[in-house]
Amino acid sequence: MTKQLPHDHGQAMEHELDHMPSAGEFQTAAEIFKQLGDTSRLRIFWLLCHCEECVINISSMVEMSSPAVSHHLKQLKTAGLIVSRREGKEVYYKAAETEKAQLLHHMIESLVKIACPGH
């Protein structure tokens, strides 16, 4: 069905409008992009793309308090970008093995022009 636009500027937009993702799909993308809004969260996520670590070690690596790191880990986990596993009393975190997490990792590296160690 062709949508009649208020102003005709000579552009045929029917194809784009027919294939535009839903508002819900854009919301999902926006939630992922929110993760890009914090430098510390990006650094933590980037590290977890390259290793599996506990909160104490992550805190030391990024020179932040454990509660602050835990806050970012919770947000990353809620967004589905990292996973955790418990071993005894210790909880280890790493990047999720999902297309979403891999895409964000590649975007971060492309945007800051970092070469992945070991690749």
PDB file of N, CA and C in Angstrom:
ATOM      1  N   MET A   1       0.842  -1.174   0.000  1.00  0.00           N
ATOM      2  CA  MET A   1       0.000   0.000   0.000  1.00  0.00           C
ATOM      3  C   MET A   1       0.891   1.242   0.000  1.00  0.00           C
ATOM      4  N   THR A   2       0.627   2.143  -0.905  1.00  0.00           N
ATOM      5  CA  THR A   2       1.415   3.354  -1.030  1.00  0.00           C
ATOM      6  C   THR A   2       0.897   4.400  -0.063  1.00  0.00           C
ATOM      7  N   LYS A   3       1.812   4.963   0.704  1.00  0.00           N
ATOM      8  CA  LYS A   3       1.459   6.021   1.659  1.00  0.00           C
ATOM      9  C   LYS A   3       1.604   7.355   0.952  1.00  0.00           C
ATOM     10  N   GLN A   4       0.571   8.162   1.028  1.00  0.00           N
ATOM     11  CA  GLN A   4       0.592   9.491   0.426  1.00  0.00           C
ATOM     12  C   GLN A   4       1.271  10.444   1.401  1.00  0.00           C
ATOM     13  N   LEU A   5       2.391  11.028   0.980  1.00  0.00           N
ATOM     14  CA  LEU A   5       3.115  11.960   1.826  1.00  0.00           C
ATOM     15  C   LEU A   5       2.529  13.362   1.665  1.00  0.00           C
ATOM     16  N   PRO A   6       2.609  14.180   2.699  1.00  0.00           N
ATOM     17  CA  PRO A   6       2.040  15.536   2.634  1.00  0.00           C
ATOM     18  C   PRO A   6       2.654  16.390   1.521  1.00  0.00           C
ATOM     19  N   HIS A   7       3.950  16.240   1.280  1.00  0.00           N
ATOM     20  CA  HIS A   7       4.618  17.013   0.228  1.00  0.00           C
ATOM     21  C   HIS A   7       5.257  16.058  -0.759  1.00  0.00           C
ATOM     22  N   ASP A   8       5.073  16.317  -2.028  1.00  0.00           N
ATOM     23  CA  ASP A   8       5.695  15.501  -3.071  1.00  0.00           C
ATOM     24  C   ASP A   8       6.961  16.207  -3.524  1.00  0.00           C
ATOM     25  N   HIS A   9       8.111  15.606  -3.201  1.00  0.00           N
ATOM     26  CA  HIS A   9       9.402  16.180  -3.579  1.00  0.00           C
ATOM     27  C   HIS A   9      10.026  15.410  -4.741  1.00  0.00           C
ATOM     28  N   GLY A  10       9.229  14.612  -5.394  1.00  0.00           N
ATOM     29  CA  GLY A  10       9.711  13.880  -6.552  1.00  0.00           C
ATOM     30  C   GLY A  10      10.536  12.647  -6.208  1.00  0.00           C
ATOM     31  N   GLN A  11      10.527  12.237  -4.953  1.00  0.00           N
ATOM     32  CA  GLN A  11      11.268  11.047  -4.550  1.00  0.00           C
ATOM     33  C   GLN A  11      10.288   9.886  -4.370  1.00  0.00           C
ATOM     34  N   ALA A  12      10.659   8.758  -4.878  1.00  0.00           N
ATOM     35  CA  ALA A  12       9.837   7.564  -4.695  1.00  0.00           C
ATOM     36  C   ALA A  12      10.304   6.865  -3.426  1.00  0.00           C
ATOM     37  N   MET A  13       9.519   6.951  -2.380  1.00  0.00           N
ATOM     38  CA  MET A  13       9.894   6.387  -1.081  1.00  0.00           C
ATOM     39  C   MET A  13       9.112   5.122  -0.746  1.00  0.00           C
ATOM     40  N   GLU A  14       8.280   4.647  -1.657  1.00  0.00           N
ATOM     41  CA  GLU A  14       7.438   3.494  -1.353  1.00  0.00           C
ATOM     42  C   GLU A  14       8.260   2.272  -0.955  1.00  0.00           C
ATOM     43  N   HIS A  15       9.335   2.005  -1.688  1.00  0.00           N
ATOM     44  CA  HIS A  15      10.160   0.824  -1.407  1.00  0.00           C
ATOM     45  C   HIS A  15      10.761   0.917  -0.007  1.00  0.00           C
ATOM     46  N   GLU A  16      11.311   2.073   0.353  1.00  0.00           N
ATOM     47  CA  GLU A  16      11.930   2.252   1.661  1.00  0.00           C
ATOM     48  C   GLU A  16      10.897   2.113   2.771  1.00  0.00           C
ATOM     49  N   LEU A  17       9.735   2.730   2.583  1.00  0.00           N
ATOM     50  CA  LEU A  17       8.696   2.652   3.609  1.00  0.00           C
ATOM     51  C   LEU A  17       8.181   1.229   3.776  1.00  0.00           C
ATOM     52  N   ASP A  18       8.074   0.493   2.675  1.00  0.00           N
ATOM     53  CA  ASP A  18       7.608  -0.894   2.751  1.00  0.00           C
ATOM     54  C   ASP A  18       8.597  -1.788   3.483  1.00  0.00           C
ATOM     55  N   HIS A  19       9.876  -1.428   3.473  1.00  0.00           N
ATOM     56  CA  HIS A  19      10.918  -2.256   4.070  1.00  0.00           C
ATOM     57  C   HIS A  19      11.504  -1.661   5.361  1.00  0.00           C
ATOM     58  N   MET A  20      10.916  -0.566   5.845  1.00  0.00           N
ATOM     59  CA  MET A  20      11.425   0.056   7.067  1.00  0.00           C
ATOM     60  C   MET A  20      11.134  -0.867   8.255  1.00  0.00           C
ATOM     61  N   PRO A  21      12.164  -1.106   9.089  1.00  0.00           N
ATOM     62  CA  PRO A  21      11.946  -1.937  10.284  1.00  0.00           C
ATOM     63  C   PRO A  21      10.885  -1.311  11.194  1.00  0.00           C
ATOM     64  N   SER A  22      10.303  -2.141  12.040  1.00  0.00           N
ATOM     65  CA  SER A  22       9.268  -1.674  12.962  1.00  0.00           C
ATOM     66  C   SER A  22       9.884  -0.801  14.050  1.00  0.00           C
ATOM     67  N   ALA A  23       9.035  -0.066  14.745  1.00  0.00           N
ATOM     68  CA  ALA A  23       9.505   0.764  15.861  1.00  0.00           C
ATOM     69  C   ALA A  23      10.170  -0.113  16.915  1.00  0.00           C
ATOM     70  N   GLY A  24       9.666  -1.313  17.145  1.00  0.00           N
ATOM     71  CA  GLY A  24      10.257  -2.240  18.105  1.00  0.00           C
ATOM     72  C   GLY A  24      11.653  -2.664  17.707  1.00  0.00           C
ATOM     73  N   GLU A  25      11.858  -2.882  16.415  1.00  0.00           N
ATOM     74  CA  GLU A  25      13.187  -3.256  15.932  1.00  0.00           C
ATOM     75  C   GLU A  25      14.172  -2.096  16.105  1.00  0.00           C
ATOM     76  N   PHE A  26      13.717  -0.879  15.881  1.00  0.00           N
ATOM     77  CA  PHE A  26      14.574   0.288  16.115  1.00  0.00           C
ATOM     78  C   PHE A  26      14.866   0.445  17.607  1.00  0.00           C
ATOM     79  N   GLN A  27      13.885   0.108  18.463  1.00  0.00           N
ATOM     80  CA  GLN A  27      14.092   0.188  19.911  1.00  0.00           C
ATOM     81  C   GLN A  27      15.205  -0.762  20.335  1.00  0.00           C
ATOM     82  N   THR A  28      15.209  -1.975  19.780  1.00  0.00           N
ATOM     83  CA  THR A  28      16.261  -2.944  20.079  1.00  0.00           C
ATOM     84  C   THR A  28      17.623  -2.387  19.676  1.00  0.00           C
ATOM     85  N   ALA A  29      17.707  -1.785  18.504  1.00  0.00           N
ATOM     86  CA  ALA A  29      18.965  -1.189  18.050  1.00  0.00           C
ATOM     87  C   ALA A  29      19.368  -0.036  18.976  1.00  0.00           C
ATOM     88  N   ALA A  30      18.403   0.766  19.393  1.00  0.00           N
ATOM     89  CA  ALA A  30      18.701   1.895  20.285  1.00  0.00           C
ATOM     90  C   ALA A  30      19.255   1.402  21.617  1.00  0.00           C
ATOM     91  N   GLU A  31      18.721   0.297  22.129  1.00  0.00           N
ATOM     92  CA  GLU A  31      19.216  -0.269  23.390  1.00  0.00           C
ATOM     93  C   GLU A  31      20.679  -0.695  23.247  1.00  0.00           C
ATOM     94  N   ILE A  32      21.023  -1.270  22.113  1.00  0.00           N
ATOM     95  CA  ILE A  32      22.410  -1.670  21.873  1.00  0.00           C
ATOM     96  C   ILE A  32      23.297  -0.423  21.796  1.00  0.00           C
ATOM     97  N   PHE A  33      22.840   0.601  21.086  1.00  0.00           N
ATOM     98  CA  PHE A  33      23.631   1.822  20.953  1.00  0.00           C
ATOM     99  C   PHE A  33      23.820   2.537  22.286  1.00  0.00           C
ATOM    100  N   LYS A  34      22.895   2.359  23.240  1.00  0.00           N
ATOM    101  CA  LYS A  34      23.069   2.961  24.566  1.00  0.00           C
ATOM    102  C   LYS A  34      24.355   2.477  25.214  1.00  0.00           C
ATOM    103  N   GLN A  35      24.759   1.266  24.893  1.00  0.00           N
ATOM    104  CA  GLN A  35      25.979   0.725  25.471  1.00  0.00           C
ATOM    105  C   GLN A  35      27.206   1.499  24.980  1.00  0.00           C
ATOM    106  N   LEU A  36      27.084   2.169  23.855  1.00  0.00           N
ATOM    107  CA  LEU A  36      28.190   2.947  23.306  1.00  0.00           C
ATOM    108  C   LEU A  36      28.353   4.300  24.000  1.00  0.00           C
ATOM    109  N   GLY A  37      27.405   4.651  24.871  1.00  0.00           N
ATOM    110  CA  GLY A  37      27.392   5.978  25.462  1.00  0.00           C
ATOM    111  C   GLY A  37      28.274   6.159  26.680  1.00  0.00           C
ATOM    112  N   ASP A  38      29.003   5.153  27.089  1.00  0.00           N
ATOM    113  CA  ASP A  38      29.817   5.263  28.292  1.00  0.00           C
ATOM    114  C   ASP A  38      31.201   4.679  28.046  1.00  0.00           C
ATOM    115  N   THR A  39      32.223   5.485  28.232  1.00  0.00           N
ATOM    116  CA  THR A  39      33.605   5.073  27.973  1.00  0.00           C
ATOM    117  C   THR A  39      34.007   3.867  28.809  1.00  0.00           C
ATOM    118  N   SER A  40      33.676   3.895  30.087  1.00  0.00           N
ATOM    119  CA  SER A  40      34.054   2.782  30.964  1.00  0.00           C
ATOM    120  C   SER A  40      33.390   1.483  30.534  1.00  0.00           C
ATOM    121  N   ARG A  41      32.111   1.561  30.184  1.00  0.00           N
ATOM    122  CA  ARG A  41      31.384   0.360  29.754  1.00  0.00           C
ATOM    123  C   ARG A  41      31.986  -0.192  28.467  1.00  0.00           C
ATOM    124  N   LEU A  42      32.361   0.690  27.563  1.00  0.00           N
ATOM    125  CA  LEU A  42      33.002   0.252  26.321  1.00  0.00           C
ATOM    126  C   LEU A  42      34.322  -0.455  26.599  1.00  0.00           C
ATOM    127  N   ARG A  43      35.111   0.101  27.496  1.00  0.00           N
ATOM    128  CA  ARG A  43      36.413  -0.504  27.828  1.00  0.00           C
ATOM    129  C   ARG A  43      36.212  -1.885  28.455  1.00  0.00           C
ATOM    130  N   ILE A  44      35.260  -1.981  29.367  1.00  0.00           N
ATOM    131  CA  ILE A  44      34.985  -3.266  30.012  1.00  0.00           C
ATOM    132  C   ILE A  44      34.517  -4.276  28.976  1.00  0.00           C
ATOM    133  N   PHE A  45      33.587  -3.876  28.131  1.00  0.00           N
ATOM    134  CA  PHE A  45      33.087  -4.793  27.105  1.00  0.00           C
ATOM    135  C   PHE A  45      34.219  -5.226  26.173  1.00  0.00           C
ATOM    136  N   TRP A  46      35.036  -4.272  25.752  1.00  0.00           N
ATOM    137  CA  TRP A  46      36.148  -4.602  24.850  1.00  0.00           C
ATOM    138  C   TRP A  46      37.062  -5.637  25.497  1.00  0.00           C
ATOM    139  N   LEU A  47      37.398  -5.430  26.771  1.00  0.00           N
ATOM    140  CA  LEU A  47      38.246  -6.398  27.481  1.00  0.00           C
ATOM    141  C   LEU A  47      37.609  -7.780  27.492  1.00  0.00           C
ATOM    142  N   LEU A  48      36.310  -7.826  27.745  1.00  0.00           N
ATOM    143  CA  LEU A  48      35.619  -9.110  27.845  1.00  0.00           C
ATOM    144  C   LEU A  48      35.430  -9.789  26.489  1.00  0.00           C
ATOM    145  N   CYS A  49      35.683  -9.057  25.437  1.00  0.00           N
ATOM    146  CA  CYS A  49      35.702  -9.672  24.098  1.00  0.00           C
ATOM    147  C   CYS A  49      36.997 -10.451  23.897  1.00  0.00           C
ATOM    148  N   HIS A  50      37.993 -10.177  24.736  1.00  0.00           N
ATOM    149  CA  HIS A  50      39.316 -10.775  24.589  1.00  0.00           C
ATOM    150  C   HIS A  50      39.700 -11.707  25.725  1.00  0.00           C
ATOM    151  N   CYS A  51      38.917 -11.704  26.801  1.00  0.00           N
ATOM    152  CA  CYS A  51      39.239 -12.576  27.929  1.00  0.00           C
ATOM    153  C   CYS A  51      37.998 -12.818  28.773  1.00  0.00           C
ATOM    154  N   GLU A  52      38.120 -13.787  29.649  1.00  0.00           N
ATOM    155  CA  GLU A  52      37.089 -14.043  30.643  1.00  0.00           C
ATOM    156  C   GLU A  52      37.696 -13.674  31.990  1.00  0.00           C
ATOM    157  N   GLU A  53      37.014 -12.818  32.767  1.00  0.00           N
ATOM    158  CA  GLU A  53      37.613 -12.324  34.005  1.00  0.00           C
ATOM    159  C   GLU A  53      36.571 -12.118  35.092  1.00  0.00           C
ATOM    160  N   CYS A  54      37.070 -12.001  36.328  1.00  0.00           N
ATOM    161  CA  CYS A  54      36.232 -11.718  37.495  1.00  0.00           C
ATOM    162  C   CYS A  54      36.194 -10.206  37.734  1.00  0.00           C
ATOM    163  N   VAL A  55      35.267  -9.769  38.566  1.00  0.00           N
ATOM    164  CA  VAL A  55      35.070  -8.336  38.838  1.00  0.00           C
ATOM    165  C   VAL A  55      36.341  -7.688  39.392  1.00  0.00           C
ATOM    166  N   ILE A  56      36.984  -8.357  40.336  1.00  0.00           N
ATOM    167  CA  ILE A  56      38.182  -7.768  40.962  1.00  0.00           C
ATOM    168  C   ILE A  56      39.267  -7.499  39.925  1.00  0.00           C
ATOM    169  N   ASN A  57      39.523  -8.460  39.045  1.00  0.00           N
ATOM    170  CA  ASN A  57      40.556  -8.267  38.018  1.00  0.00           C
ATOM    171  C   ASN A  57      40.140  -7.222  36.989  1.00  0.00           C
ATOM    172  N   ILE A  58      38.859  -7.228  36.604  1.00  0.00           N
ATOM    173  CA  ILE A  58      38.378  -6.207  35.662  1.00  0.00           C
ATOM    174  C   ILE A  58      38.560  -4.828  36.286  1.00  0.00           C
ATOM    175  N   SER A  59      38.212  -4.710  37.559  1.00  0.00           N
ATOM    176  CA  SER A  59      38.364  -3.431  38.276  1.00  0.00           C
ATOM    177  C   SER A  59      39.798  -2.938  38.220  1.00  0.00           C
ATOM    178  N   SER A  60      40.731  -3.856  38.438  1.00  0.00           N
ATOM    179  CA  SER A  60      42.150  -3.494  38.396  1.00  0.00           C
ATOM    180  C   SER A  60      42.562  -3.071  36.987  1.00  0.00           C
ATOM    181  N   MET A  61      42.099  -3.811  35.978  1.00  0.00           N
ATOM    182  CA  MET A  61      42.476  -3.509  34.590  1.00  0.00           C
ATOM    183  C   MET A  61      41.999  -2.134  34.142  1.00  0.00           C
ATOM    184  N   VAL A  62      40.791  -1.753  34.559  1.00  0.00           N
ATOM    185  CA  VAL A  62      40.235  -0.476  34.101  1.00  0.00           C
ATOM    186  C   VAL A  62      40.340   0.625  35.157  1.00  0.00           C
ATOM    187  N   GLU A  63      41.002   0.290  36.276  1.00  0.00           N
ATOM    188  CA  GLU A  63      41.232   1.254  37.367  1.00  0.00           C
ATOM    189  C   GLU A  63      39.940   1.907  37.839  1.00  0.00           C
ATOM    190  N   MET A  64      38.979   1.031  38.178  1.00  0.00           N
ATOM    191  CA  MET A  64      37.686   1.468  38.706  1.00  0.00           C
ATOM    192  C   MET A  64      37.368   0.643  39.941  1.00  0.00           C
ATOM    193  N   SER A  65      36.445   1.124  40.749  1.00  0.00           N
ATOM    194  CA  SER A  65      36.018   0.364  41.919  1.00  0.00           C
ATOM    195  C   SER A  65      35.194  -0.849  41.476  1.00  0.00           C
ATOM    196  N   SER A  66      35.206  -1.875  42.311  1.00  0.00           N
ATOM    197  CA  SER A  66      34.411  -3.073  42.009  1.00  0.00           C
ATOM    198  C   SER A  66      32.917  -2.764  41.885  1.00  0.00           C
ATOM    199  N   PRO A  67      32.330  -1.922  42.760  1.00  0.00           N
ATOM    200  CA  PRO A  67      30.910  -1.601  42.590  1.00  0.00           C
ATOM    201  C   PRO A  67      30.603  -0.904  41.257  1.00  0.00           C
ATOM    202  N   ALA A  68      31.499  -0.026  40.827  1.00  0.00           N
ATOM    203  CA  ALA A  68      31.288   0.653  39.544  1.00  0.00           C
ATOM    204  C   ALA A  68      31.358  -0.347  38.398  1.00  0.00           C
ATOM    205  N   VAL A  69      32.338  -1.250  38.444  1.00  0.00           N
ATOM    206  CA  VAL A  69      32.456  -2.274  37.409  1.00  0.00           C
ATOM    207  C   VAL A  69      31.224  -3.173  37.432  1.00  0.00           C
ATOM    208  N   SER A  70      30.778  -3.565  38.605  1.00  0.00           N
ATOM    209  CA  SER A  70      29.588  -4.418  38.729  1.00  0.00           C
ATOM    210  C   SER A  70      28.367  -3.746  38.104  1.00  0.00           C
ATOM    211  N   HIS A  71      28.248  -2.437  38.287  1.00  0.00           N
ATOM    212  CA  HIS A  71      27.140  -1.684  37.685  1.00  0.00           C
ATOM    213  C   HIS A  71      27.173  -1.805  36.158  1.00  0.00           C
ATOM    214  N   HIS A  72      28.339  -1.616  35.574  1.00  0.00           N
ATOM    215  CA  HIS A  72      28.470  -1.716  34.119  1.00  0.00           C
ATOM    216  C   HIS A  72      28.248  -3.143  33.644  1.00  0.00           C
ATOM    217  N   LEU A  73      28.737  -4.110  34.389  1.00  0.00           N
ATOM    218  CA  LEU A  73      28.538  -5.514  34.021  1.00  0.00           C
ATOM    219  C   LEU A  73      27.050  -5.858  33.992  1.00  0.00           C
ATOM    220  N   LYS A  74      26.313  -5.348  34.966  1.00  0.00           N
ATOM    221  CA  LYS A  74      24.871  -5.607  35.006  1.00  0.00           C
ATOM    222  C   LYS A  74      24.190  -5.054  33.755  1.00  0.00           C
ATOM    223  N   GLN A  75      24.562  -3.838  33.369  1.00  0.00           N
ATOM    224  CA  GLN A  75      23.970  -3.233  32.165  1.00  0.00           C
ATOM    225  C   GLN A  75      24.333  -4.029  30.913  1.00  0.00           C
ATOM    226  N   LEU A  76      25.588  -4.440  30.814  1.00  0.00           N
ATOM    227  CA  LEU A  76      26.020  -5.215  29.653  1.00  0.00           C
ATOM    228  C   LEU A  76      25.319  -6.572  29.611  1.00  0.00           C
ATOM    229  N   LYS A  77      25.129  -7.171  30.766  1.00  0.00           N
ATOM    230  CA  LYS A  77      24.460  -8.475  30.827  1.00  0.00           C
ATOM    231  C   LYS A  77      22.979  -8.330  30.472  1.00  0.00           C
ATOM    232  N   THR A  78      22.326  -7.302  30.990  1.00  0.00           N
ATOM    233  CA  THR A  78      20.921  -7.041  30.676  1.00  0.00           C
ATOM    234  C   THR A  78      20.735  -6.818  29.180  1.00  0.00           C
ATOM    235  N   ALA A  79      21.704  -6.179  28.562  1.00  0.00           N
ATOM    236  CA  ALA A  79      21.645  -5.931  27.113  1.00  0.00           C
ATOM    237  C   ALA A  79      21.973  -7.181  26.297  1.00  0.00           C
ATOM    238  N   GLY A  80      22.364  -8.258  26.965  1.00  0.00           N
ATOM    239  CA  GLY A  80      22.682  -9.496  26.255  1.00  0.00           C
ATOM    240  C   GLY A  80      24.046  -9.490  25.599  1.00  0.00           C
ATOM    241  N   LEU A  81      24.933  -8.602  26.048  1.00  0.00           N
ATOM    242  CA  LEU A  81      26.246  -8.480  25.417  1.00  0.00           C
ATOM    243  C   LEU A  81      27.323  -9.299  26.121  1.00  0.00           C
ATOM    244  N   ILE A  82      27.098  -9.642  27.382  1.00  0.00           N
ATOM    245  CA  ILE A  82      28.046 -10.487  28.106  1.00  0.00           C
ATOM    246  C   ILE A  82      27.293 -11.618  28.802  1.00  0.00           C
ATOM    247  N   VAL A  83      28.036 -12.650  29.172  1.00  0.00           N
ATOM    248  CA  VAL A  83      27.504 -13.775  29.931  1.00  0.00           C
ATOM    249  C   VAL A  83      28.409 -13.992  31.137  1.00  0.00           C
ATOM    250  N   SER A  84      27.904 -14.723  32.115  1.00  0.00           N
ATOM    251  CA  SER A  84      28.700 -15.010  33.302  1.00  0.00           C
ATOM    252  C   SER A  84      28.575 -16.481  33.658  1.00  0.00           C
ATOM    253  N   ARG A  85      29.562 -16.940  34.417  1.00  0.00           N
ATOM    254  CA  ARG A  85      29.515 -18.300  34.951  1.00  0.00           C
ATOM    255  C   ARG A  85      30.146 -18.266  36.326  1.00  0.00           C
ATOM    256  N   ARG A  86      29.634 -19.111  37.189  1.00  0.00           N
ATOM    257  CA  ARG A  86      30.141 -19.186  38.554  1.00  0.00           C
ATOM    258  C   ARG A  86      31.058 -20.394  38.678  1.00  0.00           C
ATOM    259  N   GLU A  87      32.179 -20.180  39.353  1.00  0.00           N
ATOM    260  CA  GLU A  87      33.113 -21.261  39.674  1.00  0.00           C
ATOM    261  C   GLU A  87      33.459 -21.089  41.153  1.00  0.00           C
ATOM    262  N   GLY A  88      32.831 -21.912  41.997  1.00  0.00           N
ATOM    263  CA  GLY A  88      32.989 -21.732  43.436  1.00  0.00           C
ATOM    264  C   GLY A  88      32.365 -20.413  43.845  1.00  0.00           C
ATOM    265  N   LYS A  89      33.138 -19.582  44.528  1.00  0.00           N
ATOM    266  CA  LYS A  89      32.636 -18.271  44.965  1.00  0.00           C
ATOM    267  C   LYS A  89      32.863 -17.186  43.918  1.00  0.00           C
ATOM    268  N   GLU A  90      33.626 -17.503  42.899  1.00  0.00           N
ATOM    269  CA  GLU A  90      34.003 -16.505  41.881  1.00  0.00           C
ATOM    270  C   GLU A  90      33.039 -16.533  40.702  1.00  0.00           C
ATOM    271  N   VAL A  91      32.718 -15.354  40.179  1.00  0.00           N
ATOM    272  CA  VAL A  91      31.901 -15.226  38.971  1.00  0.00           C
ATOM    273  C   VAL A  91      32.788 -14.647  37.884  1.00  0.00           C
ATOM    274  N   TYR A  92      32.789 -15.307  36.734  1.00  0.00           N
ATOM    275  CA  TYR A  92      33.598 -14.878  35.592  1.00  0.00           C
ATOM    276  C   TYR A  92      32.685 -14.345  34.497  1.00  0.00           C
ATOM    277  N   TYR A  93      33.154 -13.296  33.825  1.00  0.00           N
ATOM    278  CA  TYR A  93      32.389 -12.643  32.763  1.00  0.00           C
ATOM    279  C   TYR A  93      33.166 -12.690  31.462  1.00  0.00           C
ATOM    280  N   LYS A  94      32.426 -12.789  30.365  1.00  0.00           N
ATOM    281  CA  LYS A  94      33.019 -12.699  29.030  1.00  0.00           C
ATOM    282  C   LYS A  94      31.945 -12.221  28.070  1.00  0.00           C
ATOM    283  N   ALA A  95      32.373 -11.801  26.894  1.00  0.00           N
ATOM    284  CA  ALA A  95      31.425 -11.353  25.871  1.00  0.00           C
ATOM    285  C   ALA A  95      30.559 -12.531  25.433  1.00  0.00           C
ATOM    286  N   ALA A  96      29.307 -12.249  25.171  1.00  0.00           N
ATOM    287  CA  ALA A  96      28.396 -13.275  24.668  1.00  0.00           C
ATOM    288  C   ALA A  96      28.827 -13.669  23.261  1.00  0.00           C
ATOM    289  N   GLU A  97      28.604 -14.912  22.925  1.00  0.00           N
ATOM    290  CA  GLU A  97      28.935 -15.384  21.578  1.00  0.00           C
ATOM    291  C   GLU A  97      27.707 -15.232  20.690  1.00  0.00           C
ATOM    292  N   THR A  98      27.325 -13.972  20.476  1.00  0.00           N
ATOM    293  CA  THR A  98      26.155 -13.650  19.667  1.00  0.00           C
ATOM    294  C   THR A  98      26.557 -12.692  18.559  1.00  0.00           C
ATOM    295  N   GLU A  99      25.742 -12.628  17.547  1.00  0.00           N
ATOM    296  CA  GLU A  99      26.000 -11.698  16.447  1.00  0.00           C
ATOM    297  C   GLU A  99      25.976 -10.256  16.947  1.00  0.00           C
ATOM    298  N   LYS A 100      25.060  -9.971  17.880  1.00  0.00           N
ATOM    299  CA  LYS A 100      24.938  -8.622  18.439  1.00  0.00           C
ATOM    300  C   LYS A 100      26.230  -8.204  19.145  1.00  0.00           C
ATOM    301  N   ALA A 101      26.767  -9.080  19.991  1.00  0.00           N
ATOM    302  CA  ALA A 101      28.003  -8.760  20.723  1.00  0.00           C
ATOM    303  C   ALA A 101      29.181  -8.628  19.766  1.00  0.00           C
ATOM    304  N   GLN A 102      29.267  -9.524  18.793  1.00  0.00           N
ATOM    305  CA  GLN A 102      30.366  -9.460  17.829  1.00  0.00           C
ATOM    306  C   GLN A 102      30.298  -8.177  17.009  1.00  0.00           C
ATOM    307  N   LEU A 103      29.099  -7.790  16.613  1.00  0.00           N
ATOM    308  CA  LEU A 103      28.940  -6.564  15.834  1.00  0.00           C
ATOM    309  C   LEU A 103      29.363  -5.344  16.644  1.00  0.00           C
ATOM    310  N   LEU A 104      28.953  -5.292  17.915  1.00  0.00           N
ATOM    311  CA  LEU A 104      29.348  -4.165  18.749  1.00  0.00           C
ATOM    312  C   LEU A 104      30.860  -4.134  18.933  1.00  0.00           C
ATOM    313  N   HIS A 105      31.462  -5.293  19.131  1.00  0.00           N
ATOM    314  CA  HIS A 105      32.920  -5.378  19.264  1.00  0.00           C
ATOM    315  C   HIS A 105      33.608  -4.819  18.010  1.00  0.00           C
ATOM    316  N   HIS A 106      33.147  -5.248  16.852  1.00  0.00           N
ATOM    317  CA  HIS A 106      33.752  -4.774  15.599  1.00  0.00           C
ATOM    318  C   HIS A 106      33.520  -3.274  15.411  1.00  0.00           C
ATOM    319  N   MET A 107      32.345  -2.793  15.803  1.00  0.00           N
ATOM    320  CA  MET A 107      32.066  -1.362  15.691  1.00  0.00           C
ATOM    321  C   MET A 107      33.015  -0.561  16.566  1.00  0.00           C
ATOM    322  N   ILE A 108      33.214  -1.023  17.802  1.00  0.00           N
ATOM    323  CA  ILE A 108      34.122  -0.322  18.717  1.00  0.00           C
ATOM    324  C   ILE A 108      35.521  -0.274  18.124  1.00  0.00           C
ATOM    325  N   GLU A 109      35.983  -1.413  17.657  1.00  0.00           N
ATOM    326  CA  GLU A 109      37.336  -1.459  17.105  1.00  0.00           C
ATOM    327  C   GLU A 109      37.465  -0.601  15.852  1.00  0.00           C
ATOM    328  N   SER A 110      36.451  -0.596  15.018  1.00  0.00           N
ATOM    329  CA  SER A 110      36.493   0.233  13.816  1.00  0.00           C
ATOM    330  C   SER A 110      36.480   1.706  14.170  1.00  0.00           C
ATOM    331  N   LEU A 111      35.658   2.056  15.155  1.00  0.00           N
ATOM    332  CA  LEU A 111      35.536   3.473  15.509  1.00  0.00           C
ATOM    333  C   LEU A 111      36.783   4.013  16.181  1.00  0.00           C
ATOM    334  N   VAL A 112      37.456   3.234  16.953  1.00  0.00           N
ATOM    335  CA  VAL A 112      38.655   3.738  17.630  1.00  0.00           C
ATOM    336  C   VAL A 112      39.948   3.230  16.999  1.00  0.00           C
ATOM    337  N   LYS A 113      39.795   2.470  15.927  1.00  0.00           N
ATOM    338  CA  LYS A 113      40.932   1.958  15.146  1.00  0.00           C
ATOM    339  C   LYS A 113      41.939   1.207  16.011  1.00  0.00           C
ATOM    340  N   ILE A 114      41.405   0.272  16.784  1.00  0.00           N
ATOM    341  CA  ILE A 114      42.241  -0.580  17.608  1.00  0.00           C
ATOM    342  C   ILE A 114      42.442  -1.897  16.870  1.00  0.00           C
ATOM    343  N   ALA A 115      43.642  -2.411  16.883  1.00  0.00           N
ATOM    344  CA  ALA A 115      43.889  -3.744  16.319  1.00  0.00           C
ATOM    345  C   ALA A 115      43.711  -4.758  17.441  1.00  0.00           C
ATOM    346  N   CYS A 116      42.880  -5.765  17.193  1.00  0.00           N
ATOM    347  CA  CYS A 116      42.648  -6.822  18.190  1.00  0.00           C
ATOM    348  C   CYS A 116      43.942  -7.579  18.478  1.00  0.00           C
ATOM    349  N   PRO A 117      44.284  -7.770  19.736  1.00  0.00           N
ATOM    350  CA  PRO A 117      45.445  -8.609  20.048  1.00  0.00           C
ATOM    351  C   PRO A 117      45.208 -10.040  19.574  1.00  0.00           C
ATOM    352  N   GLY A 118      46.206 -10.611  18.982  1.00  0.00           N
ATOM    353  CA  GLY A 118      46.116 -12.004  18.572  1.00  0.00           C
ATOM    354  C   GLY A 118      45.373 -12.251  17.268  1.00  0.00           C
ATOM    355  N   HIS A 119      44.952 -11.210  16.573  1.00  0.00           N
ATOM    356  CA  HIS A 119      44.230 -11.416  15.295  1.00  0.00           C
ATOM    357  C   HIS A 119      45.034 -10.897  14.124  1.00  0.00           C
TER     358      HIS A 119
END
